[in-house]
Amino acid sequence: MTTNEELPRPRSRVLTNPGRYGSRAMLRAAGLGDDDFRKPLIGIANTWSGAMPCNMHLRGLAESVAEGITAAGGRPLEINTVSISDGILARGGASLISREIIADSIELAATGFGFDAIVAIGACDKTNPGCAMAMARLNIPAVYLYGGSIAPGNFRDRPVTIQDIAEMAGEMATGKATAEDLDELERVALPGPGACGGMFTANTMASAIETLGLTVANACSAPALSAERKRIAFETGQLAVDCLVRGVLPRDIITVASVRNAIAVVASMGGSTNAVLHLMAIAREAGIKLDLEEFQAVSDRTPHLGDFTPSGPHVMADLHAIGGLSVVQRTLLDAGVLDGSVPSVDGRTMAERLEGVVRPDDQTVIASPDAPLHATGGWVVLRGDIAPEGSVLKATGTSLRRHVGRARVFESEPDAFRAIYKGQIVPGDTIVIRYEGPRGGPGMSETARVTAAVVGQGFKDSVALITDGRFSGLSHGLAVGHISPEAAVGGPIALIREGDEIIIDLDTRRIDVSVSDDEMHRRRQEWSPPALDESSSVYAKYARLVSSASSGATTSG
């Protein structure tokens, strides 16, 4: 371990400028002393919130991080960011908007206080990419810590997750479940702190960020309340100081090769399509251009090995029980899918971090590449009349390869949900939800309730859904999201009308509408854009700045 005398001197002007007496006085009031002023300042960017289970335990983890920083000779200073739960949304677009605000607030705090390095702590869906975006943007020594997964609930002697609640709500509409059943499930599905336990967006992004090389090795699968999670937090604090000593920067770690590795690992486990948006955004902050074709190319050469919820039986705890994410990485490395030469924050290459790791034979969580669940990974990028700039579908969530159905058009997610709940959707329909894109939402509302209701009513293989919004990680079925251009800017999805024939073909990778070019032109002449919100609301500001979903839906241009 580096001695205090060997540590880099603080670069903060607050500590080193002789004229900053007032600033130092304020820091003394915050608990710093003379010895602290000779140490590097390590910021702890915490997304703790007492309003949701995903992040409510992060305060304790931050204490362990601080202990690790102190033990390594640094001086920790903790700041907090906003965090929004995708599962508790009074307004749907708030979650994706929070990703940008998290990144911005970490940047402001790090530059405002003059941190020499940072540890960023996340858990719920958008906190993970928000933290990673800030790390890449700041490009000062930084390490990421994931808060870990919630334990499964227990409902009538079977394990359950938040997904079961969403799908039982759909079952109620067909009489398969009662209000009493749903009330009982609601009370036991989530037993305490931690991010949702399936391969939903939180665990998807935790896996991606670990594969990028920004964390302690094999860290993301440890449960939220485990002693192992606290140990990882302590090591993360130590590692942040070590990164400062060695001069390791996030953009040394986030490279084209490491991003491709992250895409492959997520695709191999059937991860959330939200990873497409988030990895694009992280790559952009690191100065890397990433497009939809890259996701398709990597997915095409990556076998689907992990049968995780929402479409399979396994959760993150099952992966942890067989050795964690390193087992997936090692399996893909041996199959020639991953680049083992990429560096990580601890100074080792991916291949070096995976030395000694083996995939156990006596388990069903991660399949052998010789007998994969599917020959290719989880995503299909579709283009066509409806999505000339692209759209994304999670292929592992459906057995259908082609669907032709009549359009049932809804101008918002709540309208579609009400129609399903009232039994107004029938097999063969294609639900069209529009004006839910980055600008139109604004914030790309998730359609988790809609996809869950479709599955709950038994329509998973007979009803399709297309939207310029996005899906929750718990969504499965024939669901096409991120349709670009979005309706709010005049994308073709805005011109679809009730009863139009929609063709979705996974083999040709197209999504089209059976309407003539002349008719579409006529409809375009009749279309007018929605009124622009000119207020000072955060939603209005976001709508004016945000880019297309096909480039990550970022506000950085």
Protein backbone atom coordinates (compact mmCIF):
# COMPACT_ATOMS: atom_id res chain seq x y z
CA MET A 1 0.00 0.00 0.00
CA THR A 2 1.24 3.48 -0.84
CA THR A 3 2.44 5.52 2.15
CA ASN A 4 1.05 8.97 2.84
CA GLU A 5 4.38 10.54 1.84
CA GLU A 6 4.16 8.90 -1.60
CA LEU A 7 0.64 10.09 -2.39
CA PRO A 8 0.15 12.83 -4.98
CA ARG A 9 -0.36 16.25 -3.47
CA PRO A 10 -3.90 17.60 -3.73
CA ARG A 11 -4.55 19.40 -6.98
CA SER A 12 -7.49 21.29 -5.47
CA ARG A 13 -6.88 25.04 -5.51
CA VAL A 14 -9.05 25.18 -2.41
CA LEU A 15 -6.33 23.39 -0.44
CA THR A 16 -3.17 24.69 -2.10
CA ASN A 17 -3.87 28.35 -2.90
CA PRO A 18 -2.57 30.51 -0.04
CA GLY A 19 -5.39 32.99 -0.55
CA ARG A 20 -8.24 30.51 0.01
CA TYR A 21 -8.51 31.07 3.76
CA GLY A 22 -12.28 31.25 3.70
CA SER A 23 -12.60 28.03 1.73
CA ARG A 24 -10.34 26.18 4.14
CA ALA A 25 -12.26 27.61 7.08
CA MET A 26 -15.44 26.14 5.65
CA LEU A 27 -13.77 22.77 5.17
CA ARG A 28 -12.52 22.90 8.76
CA ALA A 29 -16.11 23.45 9.82
CA ALA A 30 -16.99 20.33 7.81
CA GLY A 31 -14.49 18.31 9.84
CA LEU A 32 -11.20 18.59 7.93
CA GLY A 33 -7.94 19.32 9.74
CA ASP A 34 -4.35 20.22 8.89
CA ASP A 35 -3.44 16.63 8.05
CA ASP A 36 -6.43 16.34 5.70
CA PHE A 37 -5.21 19.35 3.74
CA ARG A 38 -2.09 17.37 2.85
CA LYS A 39 -4.10 14.45 1.47
CA PRO A 40 -5.78 14.02 -1.91
CA LEU A 41 -9.51 14.71 -1.79
CA ILE A 42 -11.51 11.71 -2.98
CA GLY A 43 -15.13 12.49 -3.73
CA ILE A 44 -17.82 9.91 -3.03
CA ALA A 45 -20.67 10.60 -5.45
CA ASN A 46 -23.58 8.80 -3.83
CA THR A 47 -27.02 8.28 -5.38
CA TRP A 48 -28.52 7.32 -2.01
CA SER A 49 -32.24 7.88 -1.55
CA GLY A 50 -34.55 6.93 1.27
CA ALA A 51 -37.50 6.95 -1.12
CA MET A 52 -36.84 3.62 -2.84
CA PRO A 53 -35.44 0.19 -1.98
CA CYS A 54 -32.86 0.14 -4.77
CA ASN A 55 -30.68 2.87 -3.27
CA MET A 56 -31.75 3.10 0.37
CA HIS A 57 -28.75 1.11 1.63
CA LEU A 58 -26.10 3.10 -0.23
CA ARG A 59 -25.40 5.37 2.73
CA GLY A 60 -23.92 2.41 4.59
CA LEU A 61 -21.86 1.39 1.56
CA ALA A 62 -20.54 4.94 1.28
CA GLU A 63 -19.24 4.62 4.84
CA SER A 64 -17.30 1.50 3.82
CA VAL A 65 -15.95 3.32 0.76
CA ALA A 66 -14.83 6.19 3.00
CA GLU A 67 -13.04 3.76 5.30
CA GLY A 68 -11.19 2.32 2.30
CA ILE A 69 -10.20 5.78 1.08
CA THR A 70 -8.95 6.73 4.53
CA ALA A 71 -7.00 3.49 4.90
CA ALA A 72 -5.28 4.21 1.57
CA GLY A 73 -4.28 7.71 2.64
CA GLY A 74 -6.97 9.83 0.99
CA ARG A 75 -9.55 12.19 2.50
CA PRO A 76 -13.12 11.24 1.55
CA LEU A 77 -15.79 13.87 0.94
CA GLU A 78 -19.31 12.64 0.16
CA ILE A 79 -21.84 14.39 -2.04
CA ASN A 80 -25.29 13.19 -3.10
CA THR A 81 -27.18 13.30 -6.37
CA VAL A 82 -30.83 13.01 -7.28
CA SER A 83 -32.07 9.50 -8.00
CA ILE A 84 -35.41 8.41 -9.44
CA SER A 85 -36.91 4.93 -9.24
CA ASP A 86 -38.32 3.48 -12.44
CA GLY A 87 -40.73 1.55 -10.24
CA ILE A 88 -42.15 4.63 -8.49
CA LEU A 89 -42.92 7.10 -11.24
CA ALA A 90 -45.72 9.62 -10.95
CA ARG A 91 -44.45 11.00 -14.26
CA GLY A 92 -42.94 8.55 -16.70
CA GLY A 93 -40.16 10.56 -18.29
CA ALA A 94 -38.49 11.53 -15.03
CA SER A 95 -36.21 8.51 -14.92
CA LEU A 96 -34.22 8.93 -18.13
CA ILE A 97 -34.00 12.68 -17.54
CA SER A 98 -32.42 11.92 -14.17
CA ARG A 99 -29.56 10.12 -15.93
CA GLU A 100 -28.40 13.42 -17.40
CA ILE A 101 -28.87 15.29 -14.13
CA ILE A 102 -26.90 12.67 -12.20
CA ALA A 103 -23.99 13.01 -14.62
CA ASP A 104 -24.18 16.80 -14.55
CA SER A 105 -24.36 17.01 -10.76
CA ILE A 106 -21.35 14.72 -10.27
CA GLU A 107 -19.40 16.86 -12.74
CA LEU A 108 -20.39 20.04 -10.91
CA ALA A 109 -19.49 18.67 -7.48
CA ALA A 110 -16.19 17.18 -8.63
CA THR A 111 -15.07 20.37 -10.33
CA GLY A 112 -16.59 22.68 -7.72
CA PHE A 113 -14.82 20.99 -4.81
CA GLY A 114 -11.72 20.10 -6.79
CA PHE A 115 -11.78 16.36 -6.14
CA ASP A 116 -8.59 14.55 -7.07
CA ALA A 117 -10.51 11.32 -7.76
CA ILE A 118 -14.01 9.99 -7.26
CA VAL A 119 -15.94 6.88 -6.33
CA ALA A 120 -19.41 6.85 -7.89
CA ILE A 121 -22.08 4.68 -6.25
CA GLY A 122 -25.27 3.64 -8.03
CA ALA A 123 -27.98 1.00 -7.90
CA CYS A 124 -31.32 1.82 -9.55
CA ASP A 125 -31.53 1.86 -13.31
CA LYS A 126 -30.42 5.34 -14.39
CA THR A 127 -27.99 5.93 -11.53
CA ASN A 128 -25.58 3.39 -13.02
CA PRO A 129 -25.13 4.97 -16.47
CA GLY A 130 -25.37 8.47 -14.98
CA CYS A 131 -22.38 7.71 -12.78
CA ALA A 132 -20.39 6.12 -15.61
CA MET A 133 -21.14 9.06 -17.92
CA ALA A 134 -19.79 11.48 -15.31
CA MET A 135 -16.66 9.38 -14.83
CA ALA A 136 -15.94 9.41 -18.55
CA ARG A 137 -16.71 13.12 -18.91
CA LEU A 138 -14.56 14.24 -15.98
CA ASN A 139 -11.75 11.83 -16.87
CA ILE A 140 -10.14 12.02 -13.44
CA PRO A 141 -9.20 8.82 -11.55
CA ALA A 142 -12.49 7.09 -10.75
CA VAL A 143 -13.96 3.75 -9.70
CA TYR A 144 -17.59 2.64 -9.80
CA LEU A 145 -19.47 0.76 -7.07
CA TYR A 146 -22.79 -1.01 -7.67
CA GLY A 147 -25.11 -1.35 -4.69
CA GLY A 148 -26.14 -4.93 -5.42
CA SER A 149 -29.43 -6.78 -5.89
CA ILE A 150 -32.41 -7.26 -3.65
CA ALA A 151 -33.15 -10.76 -2.39
CA PRO A 152 -36.03 -12.58 -4.11
CA GLY A 153 -39.44 -12.35 -2.47
CA ASN A 154 -41.42 -15.42 -1.47
CA PHE A 155 -45.01 -15.82 -2.65
CA ARG A 156 -46.76 -19.06 -1.77
CA ASP A 157 -43.44 -20.92 -1.56
CA ARG A 158 -42.01 -19.68 -4.84
CA PRO A 159 -39.44 -16.94 -5.47
CA VAL A 160 -40.80 -13.74 -7.02
CA THR A 161 -39.58 -10.37 -8.31
CA ILE A 162 -41.19 -7.07 -9.26
CA GLN A 163 -41.91 -8.67 -12.65
CA ASP A 164 -44.48 -10.98 -11.05
CA ILE A 165 -46.45 -8.00 -9.75
CA ALA A 166 -46.57 -6.35 -13.16
CA GLU A 167 -47.73 -9.52 -14.90
CA MET A 168 -50.32 -10.42 -12.26
CA ALA A 169 -51.92 -7.02 -12.89
CA GLY A 170 -52.50 -8.20 -16.46
CA GLU A 171 -53.85 -11.53 -15.23
CA MET A 172 -56.50 -9.71 -13.22
CA ALA A 173 -58.08 -8.41 -16.41
CA THR A 174 -58.74 -11.97 -17.59
CA GLY A 175 -59.79 -13.36 -14.24
CA LYS A 176 -56.63 -15.44 -13.78
CA ALA A 177 -55.86 -13.52 -10.61
CA THR A 178 -57.87 -11.57 -8.06
CA ALA A 179 -57.29 -8.27 -6.32
CA GLU A 180 -56.63 -10.26 -3.16
CA ASP A 181 -53.92 -12.28 -4.94
CA LEU A 182 -52.24 -9.11 -6.14
CA ASP A 183 -52.42 -7.50 -2.71
CA GLU A 184 -50.79 -10.55 -1.13
CA LEU A 185 -48.04 -10.57 -3.77
CA GLU A 186 -47.44 -6.83 -3.40
CA ARG A 187 -46.68 -7.29 0.30
CA VAL A 188 -43.99 -9.97 -0.15
CA ALA A 189 -42.41 -9.42 -3.58
CA LEU A 190 -39.70 -7.01 -2.42
CA PRO A 191 -38.28 -7.99 0.98
CA GLY A 192 -35.82 -5.11 1.49
CA PRO A 193 -33.02 -2.97 0.03
CA GLY A 194 -31.34 -3.59 -3.29
CA ALA A 195 -31.88 -3.19 -7.01
CA CYS A 196 -34.40 -5.41 -8.81
CA GLY A 197 -32.97 -8.93 -8.85
CA GLY A 198 -33.57 -10.05 -12.43
CA MET A 199 -31.54 -9.19 -15.51
CA PHE A 200 -33.45 -5.95 -15.68
CA THR A 201 -31.83 -2.59 -16.40
CA ALA A 202 -29.95 -2.19 -13.10
CA ASN A 203 -28.18 -5.55 -13.25
CA THR A 204 -27.72 -5.20 -16.99
CA MET A 205 -25.85 -1.92 -16.58
CA ALA A 206 -23.92 -3.12 -13.53
CA SER A 207 -22.69 -6.02 -15.67
CA ALA A 208 -21.82 -3.68 -18.53
CA ILE A 209 -19.89 -1.22 -16.34
CA GLU A 210 -17.94 -4.04 -14.68
CA THR A 211 -17.08 -5.43 -18.11
CA LEU A 212 -15.90 -1.98 -19.20
CA GLY A 213 -13.30 -2.38 -16.45
CA LEU A 214 -14.44 0.43 -14.13
CA THR A 215 -14.98 -1.66 -10.97
CA VAL A 216 -13.34 -4.06 -8.58
CA ALA A 217 -13.14 -7.47 -10.28
CA ASN A 218 -16.23 -9.72 -10.10
CA ALA A 219 -18.13 -7.18 -8.02
CA CYS A 220 -21.62 -6.72 -9.44
CA SER A 221 -23.38 -9.94 -8.40
CA ALA A 222 -22.84 -9.75 -4.61
CA PRO A 223 -26.21 -9.18 -2.85
CA ALA A 224 -27.03 -5.71 -1.56
CA LEU A 225 -26.95 -6.58 2.14
CA SER A 226 -24.11 -9.09 2.10
CA ALA A 227 -20.84 -8.76 4.00
CA GLU A 228 -19.17 -9.28 0.63
CA ARG A 229 -20.81 -6.11 -0.69
CA LYS A 230 -19.30 -4.12 2.20
CA ARG A 231 -15.89 -5.64 1.50
CA ILE A 232 -16.17 -4.65 -2.14
CA ALA A 233 -17.10 -1.11 -1.07
CA PHE A 234 -13.99 -0.88 1.14
CA GLU A 235 -11.78 -2.18 -1.69
CA THR A 236 -13.38 0.32 -4.07
CA GLY A 237 -12.32 3.19 -1.82
CA GLN A 238 -8.77 1.85 -1.67
CA LEU A 239 -8.70 1.35 -5.43
CA ALA A 240 -9.73 4.96 -6.11
CA VAL A 241 -6.65 6.21 -4.26
CA ASP A 242 -4.51 3.64 -6.07
CA CYS A 243 -5.85 4.85 -9.44
CA LEU A 244 -4.79 8.37 -8.46
CA VAL A 245 -1.30 7.15 -7.57
CA ARG A 246 -0.96 5.30 -10.88
CA GLY A 247 -2.58 8.05 -12.93
CA VAL A 248 -5.25 5.75 -14.37
CA LEU A 249 -8.10 7.63 -16.06
CA PRO A 250 -11.54 6.41 -17.18
CA ARG A 251 -10.81 7.10 -20.85
CA ASP A 252 -7.80 4.79 -20.57
CA ILE A 253 -10.29 2.07 -19.66
CA ILE A 254 -13.34 2.92 -21.79
CA THR A 255 -12.20 2.04 -25.31
CA VAL A 256 -13.85 0.71 -28.45
CA ALA A 257 -12.74 -2.80 -27.45
CA SER A 258 -14.04 -2.56 -23.89
CA VAL A 259 -17.38 -1.18 -25.10
CA ARG A 260 -17.70 -4.12 -27.49
CA ASN A 261 -16.93 -6.46 -24.59
CA ALA A 262 -19.69 -4.83 -22.55
CA ILE A 263 -22.19 -5.20 -25.38
CA ALA A 264 -21.28 -8.88 -25.76
CA VAL A 265 -21.63 -9.72 -22.06
CA VAL A 266 -25.03 -8.05 -21.85
CA ALA A 267 -26.22 -9.67 -25.10
CA SER A 268 -25.13 -13.09 -23.83
CA MET A 269 -27.41 -12.74 -20.79
CA GLY A 270 -30.45 -11.34 -22.60
CA GLY A 271 -30.02 -7.95 -20.93
CA SER A 272 -32.25 -4.91 -21.11
CA THR A 273 -32.54 -2.92 -24.33
CA ASN A 274 -31.95 0.17 -22.19
CA ALA A 275 -28.27 -0.80 -22.37
CA VAL A 276 -28.29 0.37 -25.99
CA LEU A 277 -29.16 3.91 -24.91
CA HIS A 278 -26.84 3.91 -21.93
CA LEU A 279 -23.75 2.43 -23.56
CA MET A 280 -24.13 4.93 -26.41
CA ALA A 281 -24.26 7.74 -23.85
CA ILE A 282 -21.23 6.46 -21.90
CA ALA A 283 -19.24 5.96 -25.10
CA ARG A 284 -20.10 9.47 -26.25
CA GLU A 285 -18.74 10.94 -23.01
CA ALA A 286 -15.52 8.98 -23.63
CA GLY A 287 -15.23 10.36 -27.16
CA ILE A 288 -16.25 7.10 -28.84
CA LYS A 289 -18.79 7.02 -31.66
CA LEU A 290 -21.14 4.09 -31.21
CA ASP A 291 -24.07 3.28 -33.49
CA LEU A 292 -26.82 0.69 -33.69
CA GLU A 293 -24.92 -1.35 -36.27
CA GLU A 294 -22.20 -2.00 -33.70
CA PHE A 295 -24.75 -3.49 -31.31
CA GLN A 296 -26.10 -5.71 -34.06
CA ALA A 297 -22.66 -6.86 -35.16
CA VAL A 298 -21.61 -7.80 -31.62
CA SER A 299 -24.94 -9.48 -30.87
CA ASP A 300 -24.64 -11.54 -34.06
CA ARG A 301 -21.33 -13.07 -32.95
CA THR A 302 -22.32 -13.56 -29.31
CA PRO A 303 -24.16 -16.71 -28.15
CA HIS A 304 -27.06 -16.31 -25.75
CA LEU A 305 -25.93 -18.21 -22.65
CA GLY A 306 -27.88 -16.90 -19.65
CA ASP A 307 -31.60 -17.63 -19.21
CA PHE A 308 -32.42 -14.79 -16.82
CA THR A 309 -35.64 -13.07 -15.93
CA PRO A 310 -37.70 -11.55 -17.46
CA SER A 311 -37.79 -14.34 -20.07
CA GLY A 312 -36.08 -17.09 -18.04
CA PRO A 313 -36.04 -18.46 -14.49
CA HIS A 314 -32.73 -17.12 -13.14
CA VAL A 315 -31.89 -13.99 -11.16
CA MET A 316 -28.62 -12.29 -10.21
CA ALA A 317 -28.39 -14.30 -7.00
CA ASP A 318 -28.18 -17.47 -9.10
CA LEU A 319 -25.25 -16.04 -11.06
CA HIS A 320 -23.52 -15.09 -7.82
CA ALA A 321 -23.96 -18.63 -6.51
CA ILE A 322 -21.93 -20.09 -9.41
CA GLY A 323 -19.13 -17.54 -9.24
CA GLY A 324 -20.48 -14.21 -10.46
CA LEU A 325 -20.09 -12.24 -13.66
CA SER A 326 -16.52 -13.48 -14.09
CA VAL A 327 -17.98 -16.85 -15.10
CA VAL A 328 -19.83 -15.21 -18.00
CA GLN A 329 -16.77 -13.21 -18.99
CA ARG A 330 -14.48 -16.25 -18.84
CA THR A 331 -16.89 -18.33 -20.91
CA LEU A 332 -17.07 -15.66 -23.61
CA LEU A 333 -13.31 -15.07 -23.49
CA ASP A 334 -12.64 -18.76 -24.06
CA ALA A 335 -15.14 -18.70 -26.95
CA GLY A 336 -13.19 -15.90 -28.62
CA VAL A 337 -15.98 -13.35 -28.20
CA LEU A 338 -14.22 -10.97 -25.79
CA ASP A 339 -10.95 -9.08 -26.13
CA GLY A 340 -8.93 -10.10 -23.09
CA SER A 341 -6.25 -7.46 -23.60
CA VAL A 342 -8.39 -4.52 -22.46
CA PRO A 343 -7.20 -2.81 -19.25
CA SER A 344 -9.13 -2.26 -16.02
CA VAL A 345 -8.91 0.17 -13.12
CA ASP A 346 -6.91 -2.27 -10.99
CA GLY A 347 -4.07 -2.37 -13.52
CA ARG A 348 -4.80 -5.85 -14.83
CA THR A 349 -6.14 -6.82 -18.22
CA MET A 350 -9.46 -8.60 -18.47
CA ALA A 351 -7.65 -11.88 -19.16
CA GLU A 352 -5.51 -11.41 -16.06
CA ARG A 353 -8.57 -10.70 -13.92
CA LEU A 354 -10.13 -13.93 -15.16
CA GLU A 355 -7.18 -16.22 -14.46
CA GLY A 356 -8.35 -19.29 -12.57
CA VAL A 357 -12.05 -18.68 -13.28
CA VAL A 358 -13.97 -21.68 -14.66
CA ARG A 359 -17.57 -22.24 -15.65
CA PRO A 360 -18.98 -24.95 -13.36
CA ASP A 361 -20.43 -27.95 -15.18
CA ASP A 362 -23.05 -28.76 -12.55
CA GLN A 363 -25.25 -25.70 -13.11
CA THR A 364 -27.90 -24.39 -15.51
CA VAL A 365 -27.40 -20.64 -15.11
CA ILE A 366 -24.77 -20.13 -17.83
CA ALA A 367 -24.82 -22.50 -20.80
CA SER A 368 -21.80 -23.71 -22.72
CA PRO A 369 -21.07 -21.89 -26.00
CA ASP A 370 -21.19 -25.35 -27.58
CA ALA A 371 -24.85 -25.66 -26.56
CA PRO A 372 -26.16 -22.09 -26.26
CA LEU A 373 -29.76 -21.13 -25.61
CA HIS A 374 -29.65 -19.27 -28.92
CA ALA A 375 -26.84 -19.01 -31.45
CA THR A 376 -26.82 -15.22 -31.30
CA GLY A 377 -27.28 -12.60 -28.60
CA GLY A 378 -30.24 -10.76 -27.28
CA TRP A 379 -30.81 -7.80 -29.60
CA VAL A 380 -32.14 -7.21 -33.09
CA VAL A 381 -31.95 -3.79 -34.72
CA LEU A 382 -34.88 -3.19 -37.06
CA ARG A 383 -35.18 -0.56 -39.77
CA GLY A 384 -37.84 0.11 -42.38
CA ASP A 385 -40.74 2.39 -43.28
CA ILE A 386 -41.56 2.99 -39.62
CA ALA A 387 -38.00 3.30 -38.28
CA PRO A 388 -35.60 4.63 -40.94
CA GLU A 389 -33.06 5.56 -38.23
CA GLY A 390 -33.54 2.27 -36.40
CA SER A 391 -35.31 0.57 -33.53
CA VAL A 392 -34.41 -2.16 -31.05
CA LEU A 393 -36.04 -5.45 -30.06
CA LYS A 394 -34.91 -7.98 -27.45
CA ALA A 395 -35.07 -11.20 -29.44
CA THR A 396 -34.61 -13.44 -26.40
CA GLY A 397 -37.94 -12.16 -25.08
CA THR A 398 -40.03 -13.74 -27.86
CA SER A 399 -40.25 -16.92 -29.91
CA LEU A 400 -41.89 -15.12 -32.84
CA ARG A 401 -39.87 -14.31 -35.94
CA ARG A 402 -42.60 -12.49 -37.85
CA HIS A 403 -45.80 -10.71 -36.91
CA VAL A 404 -48.36 -9.09 -39.17
CA GLY A 405 -51.11 -7.25 -37.35
CA ARG A 406 -53.47 -4.30 -37.43
CA ALA A 407 -52.37 -1.13 -35.70
CA ARG A 408 -54.05 -0.09 -32.46
CA VAL A 409 -52.82 3.47 -32.06
CA PHE A 410 -52.38 5.25 -28.72
CA GLU A 411 -50.93 8.69 -28.09
CA SER A 412 -49.53 7.76 -24.68
CA GLU A 413 -48.62 4.77 -22.51
CA PRO A 414 -51.50 5.25 -20.03
CA ASP A 415 -54.03 5.17 -22.89
CA ALA A 416 -52.65 1.85 -24.11
CA PHE A 417 -52.63 0.35 -20.63
CA ARG A 418 -56.27 1.26 -20.07
CA ALA A 419 -57.27 -0.37 -23.37
CA ILE A 420 -55.50 -3.62 -22.47
CA TYR A 421 -56.96 -3.64 -18.98
CA LYS A 422 -60.46 -3.20 -20.45
CA GLY A 423 -59.97 -6.16 -22.80
CA GLN A 424 -59.88 -4.04 -25.95
CA ILE A 425 -56.72 -5.69 -27.34
CA VAL A 426 -57.05 -9.05 -29.08
CA PRO A 427 -54.61 -11.56 -30.62
CA GLY A 428 -53.17 -10.28 -33.88
CA ASP A 429 -53.11 -6.64 -32.81
CA THR A 430 -50.04 -4.42 -32.93
CA ILE A 431 -50.12 -1.82 -30.19
CA VAL A 432 -48.60 1.48 -31.33
CA ILE A 433 -47.59 3.87 -28.53
CA ARG A 434 -46.21 7.16 -29.77
CA TYR A 435 -45.23 10.63 -28.55
CA GLU A 436 -43.27 8.89 -25.79
CA GLY A 437 -39.81 9.46 -27.32
CA PRO A 438 -36.97 11.55 -25.89
CA ARG A 439 -38.64 14.84 -26.89
CA GLY A 440 -42.23 13.73 -27.07
CA GLY A 441 -42.42 12.19 -23.61
CA PRO A 442 -40.29 13.96 -22.80
CA GLY A 443 -37.89 11.41 -21.38
CA MET A 444 -38.84 8.18 -23.17
CA SER A 445 -41.35 6.70 -20.76
CA GLU A 446 -41.10 2.97 -20.14
CA THR A 447 -43.99 0.79 -21.26
CA ALA A 448 -43.42 -1.89 -18.64
CA ARG A 449 -47.03 -1.94 -17.51
CA VAL A 450 -48.22 -2.48 -21.06
CA THR A 451 -45.86 -5.33 -21.92
CA ALA A 452 -46.53 -6.98 -18.57
CA ALA A 453 -50.28 -6.70 -19.07
CA VAL A 454 -49.96 -8.26 -22.54
CA VAL A 455 -47.99 -11.18 -21.09
CA GLY A 456 -50.32 -11.49 -18.13
CA GLN A 457 -53.32 -11.82 -20.44
CA GLY A 458 -51.62 -14.63 -22.35
CA PHE A 459 -50.86 -12.59 -25.49
CA LYS A 460 -47.06 -12.74 -25.38
CA ASP A 461 -46.87 -14.60 -28.72
CA SER A 462 -49.88 -13.04 -30.43
CA VAL A 463 -49.78 -9.28 -29.74
CA ALA A 464 -46.90 -6.98 -30.72
CA LEU A 465 -46.03 -3.56 -29.34
CA ILE A 466 -44.07 -0.82 -31.07
CA THR A 467 -43.13 2.56 -29.60
CA ASP A 468 -40.81 5.53 -29.82
CA GLY A 469 -40.50 5.14 -26.06
CA ARG A 470 -38.54 2.42 -24.35
CA PHE A 471 -39.05 -0.71 -22.28
CA SER A 472 -38.27 -1.67 -18.74
CA GLY A 473 -35.70 -4.38 -18.26
CA LEU A 474 -38.55 -6.57 -17.04
CA SER A 475 -40.35 -6.32 -20.40
CA HIS A 476 -40.52 -9.30 -22.72
CA GLY A 477 -42.62 -10.37 -25.67
CA LEU A 478 -42.61 -8.99 -29.23
CA ALA A 479 -41.80 -5.41 -28.26
CA VAL A 480 -39.99 -2.95 -30.54
CA GLY A 481 -38.76 0.25 -28.90
CA HIS A 482 -36.59 3.31 -29.51
CA ILE A 483 -38.26 3.84 -32.91
CA SER A 484 -36.45 6.70 -34.60
CA PRO A 485 -37.18 9.34 -35.71
CA GLU A 486 -39.77 9.73 -32.95
CA ALA A 487 -43.31 10.98 -33.47
CA ALA A 488 -42.67 14.39 -31.91
CA VAL A 489 -40.22 15.34 -34.66
CA GLY A 490 -42.38 13.93 -37.45
CA GLY A 491 -41.07 10.38 -37.61
CA PRO A 492 -43.17 7.93 -39.67
CA ILE A 493 -44.64 6.43 -36.49
CA ALA A 494 -46.60 9.70 -36.18
CA LEU A 495 -48.36 8.92 -39.47
CA ILE A 496 -49.64 5.43 -38.61
CA ARG A 497 -53.42 5.21 -38.32
CA GLU A 498 -55.79 2.83 -36.62
CA GLY A 499 -56.12 -0.39 -38.62
CA ASP A 500 -52.95 -0.02 -40.71
CA GLU A 501 -51.15 -3.31 -41.31
CA ILE A 502 -47.80 -3.46 -39.45
CA ILE A 503 -45.17 -6.04 -40.47
CA ILE A 504 -42.38 -6.95 -38.06
CA ASP A 505 -39.83 -9.39 -39.47
CA LEU A 506 -36.84 -10.43 -37.36
CA ASP A 507 -35.21 -12.40 -40.16
CA THR A 508 -35.16 -9.48 -42.61
CA ARG A 509 -34.73 -7.05 -39.69
CA ARG A 510 -37.46 -4.75 -40.92
CA ILE A 511 -40.47 -2.99 -39.47
CA ASP A 512 -42.87 -1.65 -42.09
CA VAL A 513 -46.40 -0.38 -42.59
CA SER A 514 -48.48 -1.51 -45.58
CA VAL A 515 -49.37 1.99 -46.72
CA SER A 516 -48.39 3.48 -50.08
CA ASP A 517 -45.80 6.22 -50.36
CA ASP A 518 -48.46 8.55 -51.77
CA GLU A 519 -50.72 7.96 -48.79
CA MET A 520 -47.88 8.50 -46.32
CA HIS A 521 -47.01 11.74 -48.13
CA ARG A 522 -50.63 12.89 -47.88
CA ARG A 523 -50.70 12.11 -44.18
CA ARG A 524 -47.47 14.02 -43.67
CA GLN A 525 -49.01 17.09 -45.25
CA GLU A 526 -51.83 16.86 -42.72
CA TRP A 527 -49.55 16.29 -39.71
CA SER A 528 -48.50 19.13 -37.45
CA PRO A 529 -45.93 18.97 -34.64
CA PRO A 530 -47.08 19.12 -31.03
CA ALA A 531 -46.78 22.45 -29.26
CA LEU A 532 -43.38 23.03 -27.67
CA ASP A 533 -43.32 23.57 -23.91
CA GLU A 534 -41.64 26.96 -23.47
CA SER A 535 -41.63 26.85 -19.66
CA SER A 536 -38.61 26.63 -17.35
CA SER A 537 -39.56 23.09 -16.30
CA VAL A 538 -36.80 20.49 -16.30
CA TYR A 539 -38.93 18.49 -18.73
CA ALA A 540 -39.08 21.41 -21.16
CA LYS A 541 -35.34 22.05 -20.87
CA TYR A 542 -34.65 18.39 -21.56
CA ALA A 543 -36.96 18.31 -24.59
CA ARG A 544 -35.14 21.26 -26.12
CA LEU A 545 -31.71 19.63 -25.69
CA VAL A 546 -32.12 15.88 -26.08
CA SER A 547 -30.88 13.92 -29.08
CA SER A 548 -32.53 11.00 -30.87
CA ALA A 549 -32.76 7.58 -29.25
CA SER A 550 -30.67 6.31 -32.16
CA SER A 551 -27.71 8.21 -30.70
CA GLY A 552 -28.35 7.56 -27.00
CA ALA A 553 -30.90 10.26 -26.08
CA THR A 554 -28.25 12.51 -24.53
CA THR A 555 -28.29 16.24 -23.85
CA SER A 556 -24.63 16.66 -24.78
CA GLY A 557 -25.26 17.18 -28.46
